[in-house]
Amino acid sequence: MNENLLIAERPSWRDYLELCKPRVVALMLLTCVIGMLLSTETWVALDILVLGNLGVAFCAGAAAVVNHVVDRGIDTKMARTYNRPVAQGRVQPRSAIIFSVALATLGFSLLAFFVNVLTAWLTMAASVGYAMIYTLFLKRATPQNIVIGGIAGAAPPLLGWTAVTGEIHGHALLLVLIIFAWTPPHFWALAIHRRAEYENANVPMLPVTHGEQYAKFHVLLYTAILIAVSLLPYATHMLGWLYLLGASFLGLGYIYFVVVLWLGEKPRAGMDAFWYSIVYLMALFAVMLADHYLIGGNTSL
């Protein structure tokens, strides 16, 4: 009986996969792949495409594991995170840290030896920024945590670009800027919906420290900034009219959802805006790719 209980309590591979936040990493890899493809007029070499994304995925997963360990106390106080493996004791913190170190070492090695050293160090810097600077310090220190810490999560398209070219380009930094501007309204919409949970967990998210209406206004403000920033690839001749149309259409959709949130007429408006923000980012980068290969640069309407 006791032996069966011990077996049942052993962590499964699904627990370790969950530690890596696979859905978050998948969205990061989408922007990383598109960063790779936008960096060249031809196709990306298969080894760079595969090994580059594996390296970034392993490093991002390692940072996510640290987040699970550090936030295990917070996670037990929130319905969204209550059943996470470390929070529930299915994976011990020591085992999780060993797993994180192994992932980070493997990811860095793949990038350094098979891609290029610049991408390896940039990826490691982004991972450390998320795991250490954001998770350990910023998240508990300031309601601007997600604004300041968002630069780490905005790095994947730059990593994809440097994996192919071996250099940092201004167009790659534009992609970073778009995700950087996208991050605050994305997370604050979720925080508004989950305000009571963040308050219970004593996390100083903006709707907890300054109230929901203040946070809703800032979601609207940052969304306007995001839409303006999203037009820069057209303005700088990086992309053409197809991207301009797509970005404008997607931006209008985003404005609709955040205005509904700001007006406060729908109880689930925060979650609606949160989910649309994910669709928005995926679609925006997909339109970039379509424009890059079908139009090939900025042309006049």
C-alpha atoms as a PDB file:
ATOM      1  CA  MET A   1       0.000   0.000   0.000  1.00  0.00           C
ATOM      2  CA  ASN A   2       2.700   2.489   1.031  1.00  0.00           C
ATOM      3  CA  GLU A   3       4.867   1.413  -1.906  1.00  0.00           C
ATOM      4  CA  ASN A   4       2.011   2.110  -4.321  1.00  0.00           C
ATOM      5  CA  LEU A   5       1.495   5.510  -2.732  1.00  0.00           C
ATOM      6  CA  LEU A   6       5.186   6.363  -3.168  1.00  0.00           C
ATOM      7  CA  ILE A   7       5.041   5.322  -6.802  1.00  0.00           C
ATOM      8  CA  ALA A   8       1.954   7.458  -7.367  1.00  0.00           C
ATOM      9  CA  GLU A   9       3.719  10.488  -5.868  1.00  0.00           C
ATOM     10  CA  ARG A  10       6.746  10.250  -8.146  1.00  0.00           C
ATOM     11  CA  PRO A  11       6.858  13.079 -10.683  1.00  0.00           C
ATOM     12  CA  SER A  12       5.976  12.169 -14.243  1.00  0.00           C
ATOM     13  CA  TRP A  13       7.511  13.505 -17.441  1.00  0.00           C
ATOM     14  CA  ARG A  14       4.412  15.673 -17.749  1.00  0.00           C
ATOM     15  CA  ASP A  15       5.342  17.432 -14.498  1.00  0.00           C
ATOM     16  CA  TYR A  16       8.791  18.264 -15.845  1.00  0.00           C
ATOM     17  CA  LEU A  17       7.283  19.408 -19.130  1.00  0.00           C
ATOM     18  CA  GLU A  18       4.873  21.668 -17.232  1.00  0.00           C
ATOM     19  CA  LEU A  19       7.813  23.197 -15.370  1.00  0.00           C
ATOM     20  CA  CYS A  20       9.088  24.471 -18.730  1.00  0.00           C
ATOM     21  CA  LYS A  21       5.838  26.372 -19.475  1.00  0.00           C
ATOM     22  CA  PRO A  22       5.561  24.818 -22.950  1.00  0.00           C
ATOM     23  CA  ARG A  23       2.764  27.079 -24.193  1.00  0.00           C
ATOM     24  CA  VAL A  24       4.727  30.203 -23.317  1.00  0.00           C
ATOM     25  CA  VAL A  25       7.880  28.770 -24.869  1.00  0.00           C
ATOM     26  CA  ALA A  26       5.935  27.811 -28.019  1.00  0.00           C
ATOM     27  CA  LEU A  27       4.858  31.444 -28.512  1.00  0.00           C
ATOM     28  CA  MET A  28       8.450  32.555 -27.953  1.00  0.00           C
ATOM     29  CA  LEU A  29       9.681  30.066 -30.542  1.00  0.00           C
ATOM     30  CA  LEU A  30       7.148  31.333 -33.068  1.00  0.00           C
ATOM     31  CA  THR A  31       8.633  34.826 -32.811  1.00  0.00           C
ATOM     32  CA  CYS A  32      12.142  33.353 -32.831  1.00  0.00           C
ATOM     33  CA  VAL A  33      11.485  31.415 -36.050  1.00  0.00           C
ATOM     34  CA  ILE A  34       9.980  34.464 -37.715  1.00  0.00           C
ATOM     35  CA  GLY A  35      12.968  36.532 -36.587  1.00  0.00           C
ATOM     36  CA  MET A  36      15.153  33.974 -38.359  1.00  0.00           C
ATOM     37  CA  LEU A  37      13.109  34.077 -41.544  1.00  0.00           C
ATOM     38  CA  LEU A  38      12.881  37.875 -41.641  1.00  0.00           C
ATOM     39  CA  SER A  39      16.651  38.178 -41.365  1.00  0.00           C
ATOM     40  CA  THR A  40      17.313  36.707 -44.807  1.00  0.00           C
ATOM     41  CA  GLU A  41      15.921  36.871 -48.316  1.00  0.00           C
ATOM     42  CA  THR A  42      16.456  33.143 -48.723  1.00  0.00           C
ATOM     43  CA  TRP A  43      15.644  30.169 -46.496  1.00  0.00           C
ATOM     44  CA  VAL A  44      17.314  29.481 -43.184  1.00  0.00           C
ATOM     45  CA  ALA A  45      19.774  26.581 -43.039  1.00  0.00           C
ATOM     46  CA  LEU A  46      18.100  23.542 -41.481  1.00  0.00           C
ATOM     47  CA  ASP A  47      20.727  23.061 -38.778  1.00  0.00           C
ATOM     48  CA  ILE A  48      20.394  26.693 -37.637  1.00  0.00           C
ATOM     49  CA  LEU A  49      16.599  26.458 -37.714  1.00  0.00           C
ATOM     50  CA  VAL A  50      16.484  23.280 -35.627  1.00  0.00           C
ATOM     51  CA  LEU A  51      19.433  23.690 -33.270  1.00  0.00           C
ATOM     52  CA  GLY A  52      18.888  27.413 -32.814  1.00  0.00           C
ATOM     53  CA  ASN A  53      15.306  26.958 -31.712  1.00  0.00           C
ATOM     54  CA  LEU A  54      16.179  23.967 -29.537  1.00  0.00           C
ATOM     55  CA  GLY A  55      18.832  26.023 -27.773  1.00  0.00           C
ATOM     56  CA  VAL A  56      16.468  28.932 -27.182  1.00  0.00           C
ATOM     57  CA  ALA A  57      13.707  26.550 -26.029  1.00  0.00           C
ATOM     58  CA  PHE A  58      15.971  24.807 -23.516  1.00  0.00           C
ATOM     59  CA  CYS A  59      17.214  28.098 -22.048  1.00  0.00           C
ATOM     60  CA  ALA A  60      13.694  29.523 -21.886  1.00  0.00           C
ATOM     61  CA  GLY A  61      12.473  26.325 -20.250  1.00  0.00           C
ATOM     62  CA  ALA A  62      15.287  26.536 -17.698  1.00  0.00           C
ATOM     63  CA  ALA A  63      14.215  30.059 -16.750  1.00  0.00           C
ATOM     64  CA  ALA A  64      10.592  28.905 -16.446  1.00  0.00           C
ATOM     65  CA  VAL A  65      11.640  26.140 -14.047  1.00  0.00           C
ATOM     66  CA  VAL A  66      13.317  28.702 -11.779  1.00  0.00           C
ATOM     67  CA  ASN A  67      10.087  30.710 -11.862  1.00  0.00           C
ATOM     68  CA  HIS A  68       8.182  27.640 -10.613  1.00  0.00           C
ATOM     69  CA  VAL A  69      10.634  27.169  -7.746  1.00  0.00           C
ATOM     70  CA  VAL A  70      10.783  30.801  -6.636  1.00  0.00           C
ATOM     71  CA  ASP A  71       7.020  31.346  -6.946  1.00  0.00           C
ATOM     72  CA  ARG A  72       5.880  28.078  -5.330  1.00  0.00           C
ATOM     73  CA  GLY A  73       4.522  29.942  -2.303  1.00  0.00           C
ATOM     74  CA  ILE A  74       2.630  32.408  -4.486  1.00  0.00           C
ATOM     75  CA  ASP A  75       1.353  29.658  -6.784  1.00  0.00           C
ATOM     76  CA  THR A  76      -0.529  27.879  -3.974  1.00  0.00           C
ATOM     77  CA  LYS A  77      -2.565  31.054  -3.380  1.00  0.00           C
ATOM     78  CA  MET A  78      -3.786  31.431  -6.963  1.00  0.00           C
ATOM     79  CA  ALA A  79      -6.305  29.231  -8.759  1.00  0.00           C
ATOM     80  CA  ARG A  80      -4.486  29.567 -12.076  1.00  0.00           C
ATOM     81  CA  THR A  81      -1.230  28.210 -10.644  1.00  0.00           C
ATOM     82  CA  TYR A  82      -2.370  26.147  -7.664  1.00  0.00           C
ATOM     83  CA  ASN A  83      -1.684  22.757  -9.240  1.00  0.00           C
ATOM     84  CA  ARG A  84       1.815  23.449 -10.523  1.00  0.00           C
ATOM     85  CA  PRO A  85       4.284  20.589  -9.871  1.00  0.00           C
ATOM     86  CA  VAL A  86       6.599  22.351  -7.396  1.00  0.00           C
ATOM     87  CA  ALA A  87       3.759  24.131  -5.613  1.00  0.00           C
ATOM     88  CA  GLN A  88       2.058  20.788  -5.000  1.00  0.00           C
ATOM     89  CA  GLY A  89       5.249  18.953  -4.091  1.00  0.00           C
ATOM     90  CA  ARG A  90       5.220  16.564  -7.046  1.00  0.00           C
ATOM     91  CA  VAL A  91       8.659  17.896  -7.965  1.00  0.00           C
ATOM     92  CA  GLN A  92      11.023  18.935  -5.186  1.00  0.00           C
ATOM     93  CA  PRO A  93      12.761  22.338  -5.517  1.00  0.00           C
ATOM     94  CA  ARG A  94      16.221  20.715  -5.530  1.00  0.00           C
ATOM     95  CA  SER A  95      15.243  18.374  -8.366  1.00  0.00           C
ATOM     96  CA  ALA A  96      13.718  21.287 -10.283  1.00  0.00           C
ATOM     97  CA  ILE A  97      16.897  23.375  -9.962  1.00  0.00           C
ATOM     98  CA  ILE A  98      19.064  20.474 -11.157  1.00  0.00           C
ATOM     99  CA  PHE A  99      16.704  20.095 -14.118  1.00  0.00           C
ATOM    100  CA  SER A 100      16.940  23.842 -14.822  1.00  0.00           C
ATOM    101  CA  VAL A 101      20.752  23.829 -14.751  1.00  0.00           C
ATOM    102  CA  ALA A 102      20.821  20.831 -17.105  1.00  0.00           C
ATOM    103  CA  LEU A 103      18.450  22.547 -19.556  1.00  0.00           C
ATOM    104  CA  ALA A 104      20.389  25.822 -19.455  1.00  0.00           C
ATOM    105  CA  THR A 105      23.721  24.045 -19.982  1.00  0.00           C
ATOM    106  CA  LEU A 106      22.371  22.038 -22.892  1.00  0.00           C
ATOM    107  CA  GLY A 107      20.708  25.062 -24.489  1.00  0.00           C
ATOM    108  CA  PHE A 108      23.763  27.301 -24.143  1.00  0.00           C
ATOM    109  CA  SER A 109      26.040  24.565 -25.495  1.00  0.00           C
ATOM    110  CA  LEU A 110      23.862  23.993 -28.557  1.00  0.00           C
ATOM    111  CA  LEU A 111      23.846  27.686 -29.350  1.00  0.00           C
ATOM    112  CA  ALA A 112      27.531  28.310 -28.654  1.00  0.00           C
ATOM    113  CA  PHE A 113      28.897  25.297 -30.540  1.00  0.00           C
ATOM    114  CA  PHE A 114      26.414  24.908 -33.398  1.00  0.00           C
ATOM    115  CA  VAL A 115      24.921  28.388 -33.947  1.00  0.00           C
ATOM    116  CA  ASN A 116      27.086  31.287 -32.723  1.00  0.00           C
ATOM    117  CA  VAL A 117      28.433  32.679 -29.466  1.00  0.00           C
ATOM    118  CA  LEU A 118      26.516  35.973 -29.732  1.00  0.00           C
ATOM    119  CA  THR A 119      23.175  34.179 -29.782  1.00  0.00           C
ATOM    120  CA  ALA A 120      24.262  31.926 -26.918  1.00  0.00           C
ATOM    121  CA  TRP A 121      25.133  34.843 -24.649  1.00  0.00           C
ATOM    122  CA  LEU A 122      22.083  36.913 -25.605  1.00  0.00           C
ATOM    123  CA  THR A 123      19.850  33.915 -24.872  1.00  0.00           C
ATOM    124  CA  MET A 124      21.527  33.333 -21.531  1.00  0.00           C
ATOM    125  CA  ALA A 125      21.176  37.025 -20.655  1.00  0.00           C
ATOM    126  CA  ALA A 126      17.454  36.939 -21.447  1.00  0.00           C
ATOM    127  CA  SER A 127      16.988  33.767 -19.392  1.00  0.00           C
ATOM    128  CA  VAL A 128      18.841  35.210 -16.409  1.00  0.00           C
ATOM    129  CA  GLY A 129      16.868  38.437 -16.761  1.00  0.00           C
ATOM    130  CA  TYR A 130      13.586  36.556 -16.491  1.00  0.00           C
ATOM    131  CA  ALA A 131      14.604  33.964 -13.899  1.00  0.00           C
ATOM    132  CA  MET A 132      16.637  36.192 -11.601  1.00  0.00           C
ATOM    133  CA  ILE A 133      15.975  39.892 -12.161  1.00  0.00           C
ATOM    134  CA  TYR A 134      12.233  39.653 -12.854  1.00  0.00           C
ATOM    135  CA  THR A 135      11.197  36.604 -10.805  1.00  0.00           C
ATOM    136  CA  LEU A 136      13.427  37.121  -7.780  1.00  0.00           C
ATOM    137  CA  PHE A 137      13.310  40.906  -7.534  1.00  0.00           C
ATOM    138  CA  LEU A 138      11.056  42.948  -9.818  1.00  0.00           C
ATOM    139  CA  LYS A 139       7.908  40.839  -9.446  1.00  0.00           C
ATOM    140  CA  ARG A 140       7.753  41.559  -5.722  1.00  0.00           C
ATOM    141  CA  ALA A 141       9.295  45.023  -5.764  1.00  0.00           C
ATOM    142  CA  THR A 142       7.220  47.267  -8.038  1.00  0.00           C
ATOM    143  CA  PRO A 143       3.898  47.412  -9.937  1.00  0.00           C
ATOM    144  CA  GLN A 144       6.027  48.251 -12.992  1.00  0.00           C
ATOM    145  CA  ASN A 145       7.524  44.750 -12.746  1.00  0.00           C
ATOM    146  CA  ILE A 146       6.161  43.542 -16.058  1.00  0.00           C
ATOM    147  CA  VAL A 147       7.199  46.732 -17.881  1.00  0.00           C
ATOM    148  CA  ILE A 148      10.822  46.606 -16.735  1.00  0.00           C
ATOM    149  CA  GLY A 149      11.105  42.828 -16.860  1.00  0.00           C
ATOM    150  CA  GLY A 150       9.383  42.577 -20.228  1.00  0.00           C
ATOM    151  CA  ILE A 151      12.629  43.097 -22.125  1.00  0.00           C
ATOM    152  CA  ALA A 152      13.702  39.520 -21.306  1.00  0.00           C
ATOM    153  CA  GLY A 153      10.548  38.051 -22.812  1.00  0.00           C
ATOM    154  CA  ALA A 154      10.873  40.295 -25.862  1.00  0.00           C
ATOM    155  CA  ALA A 155      14.242  38.859 -26.908  1.00  0.00           C
ATOM    156  CA  PRO A 156      13.279  35.775 -29.039  1.00  0.00           C
ATOM    157  CA  PRO A 157      12.987  37.499 -32.447  1.00  0.00           C
ATOM    158  CA  LEU A 158      16.392  39.099 -31.858  1.00  0.00           C
ATOM    159  CA  LEU A 159      17.793  35.684 -30.933  1.00  0.00           C
ATOM    160  CA  GLY A 160      16.395  34.210 -34.132  1.00  0.00           C
ATOM    161  CA  TRP A 161      17.870  37.059 -36.165  1.00  0.00           C
ATOM    162  CA  THR A 162      21.339  36.784 -34.638  1.00  0.00           C
ATOM    163  CA  ALA A 163      21.272  32.989 -34.988  1.00  0.00           C
ATOM    164  CA  VAL A 164      21.146  33.442 -38.767  1.00  0.00           C
ATOM    165  CA  THR A 165      23.222  36.594 -39.277  1.00  0.00           C
ATOM    166  CA  GLY A 166      25.558  36.643 -36.288  1.00  0.00           C
ATOM    167  CA  GLU A 167      24.867  40.350 -35.742  1.00  0.00           C
ATOM    168  CA  ILE A 168      22.376  42.669 -34.056  1.00  0.00           C
ATOM    169  CA  HIS A 169      20.347  44.597 -36.638  1.00  0.00           C
ATOM    170  CA  GLY A 170      18.025  47.566 -36.181  1.00  0.00           C
ATOM    171  CA  HIS A 171      15.117  45.664 -37.735  1.00  0.00           C
ATOM    172  CA  ALA A 172      15.551  42.899 -35.181  1.00  0.00           C
ATOM    173  CA  LEU A 173      15.389  45.500 -32.421  1.00  0.00           C
ATOM    174  CA  LEU A 174      12.088  46.734 -33.877  1.00  0.00           C
ATOM    175  CA  LEU A 175      10.672  43.248 -33.379  1.00  0.00           C
ATOM    176  CA  VAL A 176      11.908  43.315 -29.787  1.00  0.00           C
ATOM    177  CA  LEU A 177      10.277  46.713 -29.292  1.00  0.00           C
ATOM    178  CA  ILE A 178       6.927  45.388 -30.511  1.00  0.00           C
ATOM    179  CA  ILE A 179       6.903  42.529 -27.991  1.00  0.00           C
ATOM    180  CA  PHE A 180       8.205  44.870 -25.280  1.00  0.00           C
ATOM    181  CA  ALA A 181       5.248  47.210 -25.884  1.00  0.00           C
ATOM    182  CA  TRP A 182       2.842  44.246 -26.113  1.00  0.00           C
ATOM    183  CA  THR A 183       3.792  42.726 -22.751  1.00  0.00           C
ATOM    184  CA  PRO A 184       2.238  45.244 -20.295  1.00  0.00           C
ATOM    185  CA  PRO A 185      -1.311  45.322 -21.755  1.00  0.00           C
ATOM    186  CA  HIS A 186      -1.145  41.543 -22.223  1.00  0.00           C
ATOM    187  CA  PHE A 187      -0.316  40.784 -18.577  1.00  0.00           C
ATOM    188  CA  TRP A 188      -2.251  43.642 -17.004  1.00  0.00           C
ATOM    189  CA  ALA A 189      -5.463  42.439 -18.656  1.00  0.00           C
ATOM    190  CA  LEU A 190      -4.941  39.069 -16.953  1.00  0.00           C
ATOM    191  CA  ALA A 191      -4.015  40.776 -13.677  1.00  0.00           C
ATOM    192  CA  ILE A 192      -7.246  42.788 -13.749  1.00  0.00           C
ATOM    193  CA  HIS A 193      -9.265  39.603 -14.130  1.00  0.00           C
ATOM    194  CA  ARG A 194      -7.225  37.857 -11.407  1.00  0.00           C
ATOM    195  CA  ARG A 195      -6.846  40.907  -9.153  1.00  0.00           C
ATOM    196  CA  ALA A 196      -8.143  39.214  -5.996  1.00  0.00           C
ATOM    197  CA  GLU A 197      -5.700  36.326  -6.415  1.00  0.00           C
ATOM    198  CA  TYR A 198      -2.696  38.607  -6.895  1.00  0.00           C
ATOM    199  CA  GLU A 199      -3.781  40.606  -3.861  1.00  0.00           C
ATOM    200  CA  ASN A 200      -4.113  37.420  -1.805  1.00  0.00           C
ATOM    201  CA  ALA A 201      -0.633  36.358  -2.943  1.00  0.00           C
ATOM    202  CA  ASN A 202       0.757  39.815  -2.054  1.00  0.00           C
ATOM    203  CA  VAL A 203       2.090  40.430  -5.561  1.00  0.00           C
ATOM    204  CA  PRO A 204       2.139  44.193  -6.351  1.00  0.00           C
ATOM    205  CA  MET A 205       0.540  44.037  -9.783  1.00  0.00           C
ATOM    206  CA  LEU A 206      -0.807  47.354 -11.062  1.00  0.00           C
ATOM    207  CA  PRO A 207      -4.542  46.674 -10.422  1.00  0.00           C
ATOM    208  CA  VAL A 208      -3.668  45.669  -6.837  1.00  0.00           C
ATOM    209  CA  THR A 209      -1.543  48.709  -6.000  1.00  0.00           C
ATOM    210  CA  HIS A 210      -3.415  51.378  -7.979  1.00  0.00           C
ATOM    211  CA  GLY A 211      -6.902  49.984  -8.542  1.00  0.00           C
ATOM    212  CA  GLU A 212      -8.649  48.408 -11.496  1.00  0.00           C
ATOM    213  CA  GLN A 213      -9.710  51.604 -13.259  1.00  0.00           C
ATOM    214  CA  TYR A 214      -6.167  52.953 -13.196  1.00  0.00           C
ATOM    215  CA  ALA A 215      -4.890  49.648 -14.576  1.00  0.00           C
ATOM    216  CA  LYS A 216      -7.564  49.598 -17.283  1.00  0.00           C
ATOM    217  CA  PHE A 217      -6.535  53.065 -18.431  1.00  0.00           C
ATOM    218  CA  HIS A 218      -2.914  51.934 -18.635  1.00  0.00           C
ATOM    219  CA  VAL A 219      -3.919  48.866 -20.642  1.00  0.00           C
ATOM    220  CA  LEU A 220      -5.589  51.248 -23.087  1.00  0.00           C
ATOM    221  CA  LEU A 221      -2.574  53.602 -23.067  1.00  0.00           C
ATOM    222  CA  TYR A 222      -0.023  50.846 -23.657  1.00  0.00           C
ATOM    223  CA  THR A 223      -2.181  49.305 -26.370  1.00  0.00           C
ATOM    224  CA  ALA A 224      -2.135  52.638 -28.201  1.00  0.00           C
ATOM    225  CA  ILE A 225       1.666  52.698 -27.818  1.00  0.00           C
ATOM    226  CA  LEU A 226       1.828  49.121 -29.109  1.00  0.00           C
ATOM    227  CA  ILE A 227      -0.204  49.950 -32.203  1.00  0.00           C
ATOM    228  CA  ALA A 228       2.023  52.941 -32.957  1.00  0.00           C
ATOM    229  CA  VAL A 229       5.145  50.819 -32.493  1.00  0.00           C
ATOM    230  CA  SER A 230       3.691  48.041 -34.642  1.00  0.00           C
ATOM    231  CA  LEU A 231       3.624  50.427 -37.622  1.00  0.00           C
ATOM    232  CA  LEU A 232       7.361  51.129 -37.436  1.00  0.00           C
ATOM    233  CA  PRO A 233       8.361  48.154 -39.634  1.00  0.00           C
ATOM    234  CA  TYR A 234       6.366  49.796 -42.430  1.00  0.00           C
ATOM    235  CA  ALA A 235       7.635  53.298 -41.649  1.00  0.00           C
ATOM    236  CA  THR A 236      11.259  52.112 -41.728  1.00  0.00           C
ATOM    237  CA  HIS A 237      10.806  50.240 -45.034  1.00  0.00           C
ATOM    238  CA  MET A 238      11.359  46.896 -43.352  1.00  0.00           C
ATOM    239  CA  LEU A 239       7.967  45.610 -44.498  1.00  0.00           C
ATOM    240  CA  GLY A 240       5.386  46.647 -47.074  1.00  0.00           C
ATOM    241  CA  TRP A 241       1.708  47.443 -47.592  1.00  0.00           C
ATOM    242  CA  LEU A 242       0.448  43.947 -46.748  1.00  0.00           C
ATOM    243  CA  TYR A 243       1.956  44.246 -43.294  1.00  0.00           C
ATOM    244  CA  LEU A 244       0.538  47.772 -42.900  1.00  0.00           C
ATOM    245  CA  LEU A 245      -2.978  46.526 -43.657  1.00  0.00           C
ATOM    246  CA  GLY A 246      -2.636  43.504 -41.399  1.00  0.00           C
ATOM    247  CA  ALA A 247      -1.141  45.450 -38.486  1.00  0.00           C
ATOM    248  CA  SER A 248      -3.837  48.135 -38.781  1.00  0.00           C
ATOM    249  CA  PHE A 249      -6.668  45.595 -38.832  1.00  0.00           C
ATOM    250  CA  LEU A 250      -5.261  43.644 -35.881  1.00  0.00           C
ATOM    251  CA  GLY A 251      -4.654  46.882 -33.981  1.00  0.00           C
ATOM    252  CA  LEU A 252      -8.263  47.981 -34.410  1.00  0.00           C
ATOM    253  CA  GLY A 253      -9.348  44.633 -33.009  1.00  0.00           C
ATOM    254  CA  TYR A 254      -7.079  45.103 -30.001  1.00  0.00           C
ATOM    255  CA  ILE A 255      -8.470  48.600 -29.400  1.00  0.00           C
ATOM    256  CA  TYR A 256     -11.993  47.169 -29.398  1.00  0.00           C
ATOM    257  CA  PHE A 257     -11.189  44.629 -26.681  1.00  0.00           C
ATOM    258  CA  VAL A 258      -9.362  47.081 -24.417  1.00  0.00           C
ATOM    259  CA  VAL A 259     -12.082  49.739 -24.792  1.00  0.00           C
ATOM    260  CA  VAL A 260     -14.634  47.138 -23.691  1.00  0.00           C
ATOM    261  CA  LEU A 261     -12.347  46.390 -20.742  1.00  0.00           C
ATOM    262  CA  TRP A 262     -11.961  50.086 -19.908  1.00  0.00           C
ATOM    263  CA  LEU A 263     -15.725  50.688 -19.985  1.00  0.00           C
ATOM    264  CA  GLY A 264     -16.214  47.816 -17.552  1.00  0.00           C
ATOM    265  CA  GLU A 265     -19.435  46.452 -19.046  1.00  0.00           C
ATOM    266  CA  LYS A 266     -18.371  42.788 -19.315  1.00  0.00           C
ATOM    267  CA  PRO A 267     -17.224  40.730 -16.291  1.00  0.00           C
ATOM    268  CA  ARG A 268     -14.773  38.681 -18.391  1.00  0.00           C
ATOM    269  CA  ALA A 269     -13.464  41.586 -20.454  1.00  0.00           C
ATOM    270  CA  GLY A 270     -10.005  41.189 -18.921  1.00  0.00           C
ATOM    271  CA  MET A 271      -9.714  37.587 -20.073  1.00  0.00           C
ATOM    272  CA  ASP A 272     -11.123  38.479 -23.489  1.00  0.00           C
ATOM    273  CA  ALA A 273      -8.429  41.144 -23.911  1.00  0.00           C
ATOM    274  CA  PHE A 274      -5.771  38.736 -22.612  1.00  0.00           C
ATOM    275  CA  TRP A 275      -6.674  35.993 -25.093  1.00  0.00           C
ATOM    276  CA  TYR A 276      -6.981  38.428 -27.989  1.00  0.00           C
ATOM    277  CA  SER A 277      -3.522  39.760 -27.187  1.00  0.00           C
ATOM    278  CA  ILE A 278      -2.078  36.287 -27.806  1.00  0.00           C
ATOM    279  CA  VAL A 279      -3.957  35.968 -31.097  1.00  0.00           C
ATOM    280  CA  TYR A 280      -2.828  39.472 -32.002  1.00  0.00           C
ATOM    281  CA  LEU A 281       0.868  38.740 -31.515  1.00  0.00           C
ATOM    282  CA  MET A 282       0.750  35.435 -33.383  1.00  0.00           C
ATOM    283  CA  ALA A 283      -1.187  36.958 -36.276  1.00  0.00           C
ATOM    284  CA  LEU A 284       1.006  40.073 -36.409  1.00  0.00           C
ATOM    285  CA  PHE A 285       4.168  38.008 -36.786  1.00  0.00           C
ATOM    286  CA  ALA A 286       2.469  35.761 -39.329  1.00  0.00           C
ATOM    287  CA  VAL A 287       1.584  38.842 -41.399  1.00  0.00           C
ATOM    288  CA  MET A 288       5.211  39.965 -41.162  1.00  0.00           C
ATOM    289  CA  LEU A 289       6.273  36.676 -42.666  1.00  0.00           C
ATOM    290  CA  ALA A 290       3.646  36.835 -45.421  1.00  0.00           C
ATOM    291  CA  ASP A 291       4.711  40.358 -46.361  1.00  0.00           C
ATOM    292  CA  HIS A 292       8.392  39.441 -46.301  1.00  0.00           C
ATOM    293  CA  TYR A 293       7.993  36.614 -48.789  1.00  0.00           C
ATOM    294  CA  LEU A 294       5.076  37.902 -50.886  1.00  0.00           C
ATOM    295  CA  ILE A 295       5.783  41.643 -51.051  1.00  0.00           C
ATOM    296  CA  GLY A 296       9.473  41.895 -50.143  1.00  0.00           C
ATOM    297  CA  GLY A 297       9.724  45.291 -48.494  1.00  0.00           C
ATOM    298  CA  ASN A 298       7.943  48.607 -48.230  1.00  0.00           C
ATOM    299  CA  THR A 299       6.188  49.787 -51.361  1.00  0.00           C
ATOM    300  CA  SER A 300       3.758  52.644 -51.728  1.00  0.00           C
ATOM    301  CA  LEU A 301       0.029  52.050 -51.663  1.00  0.00           C
END
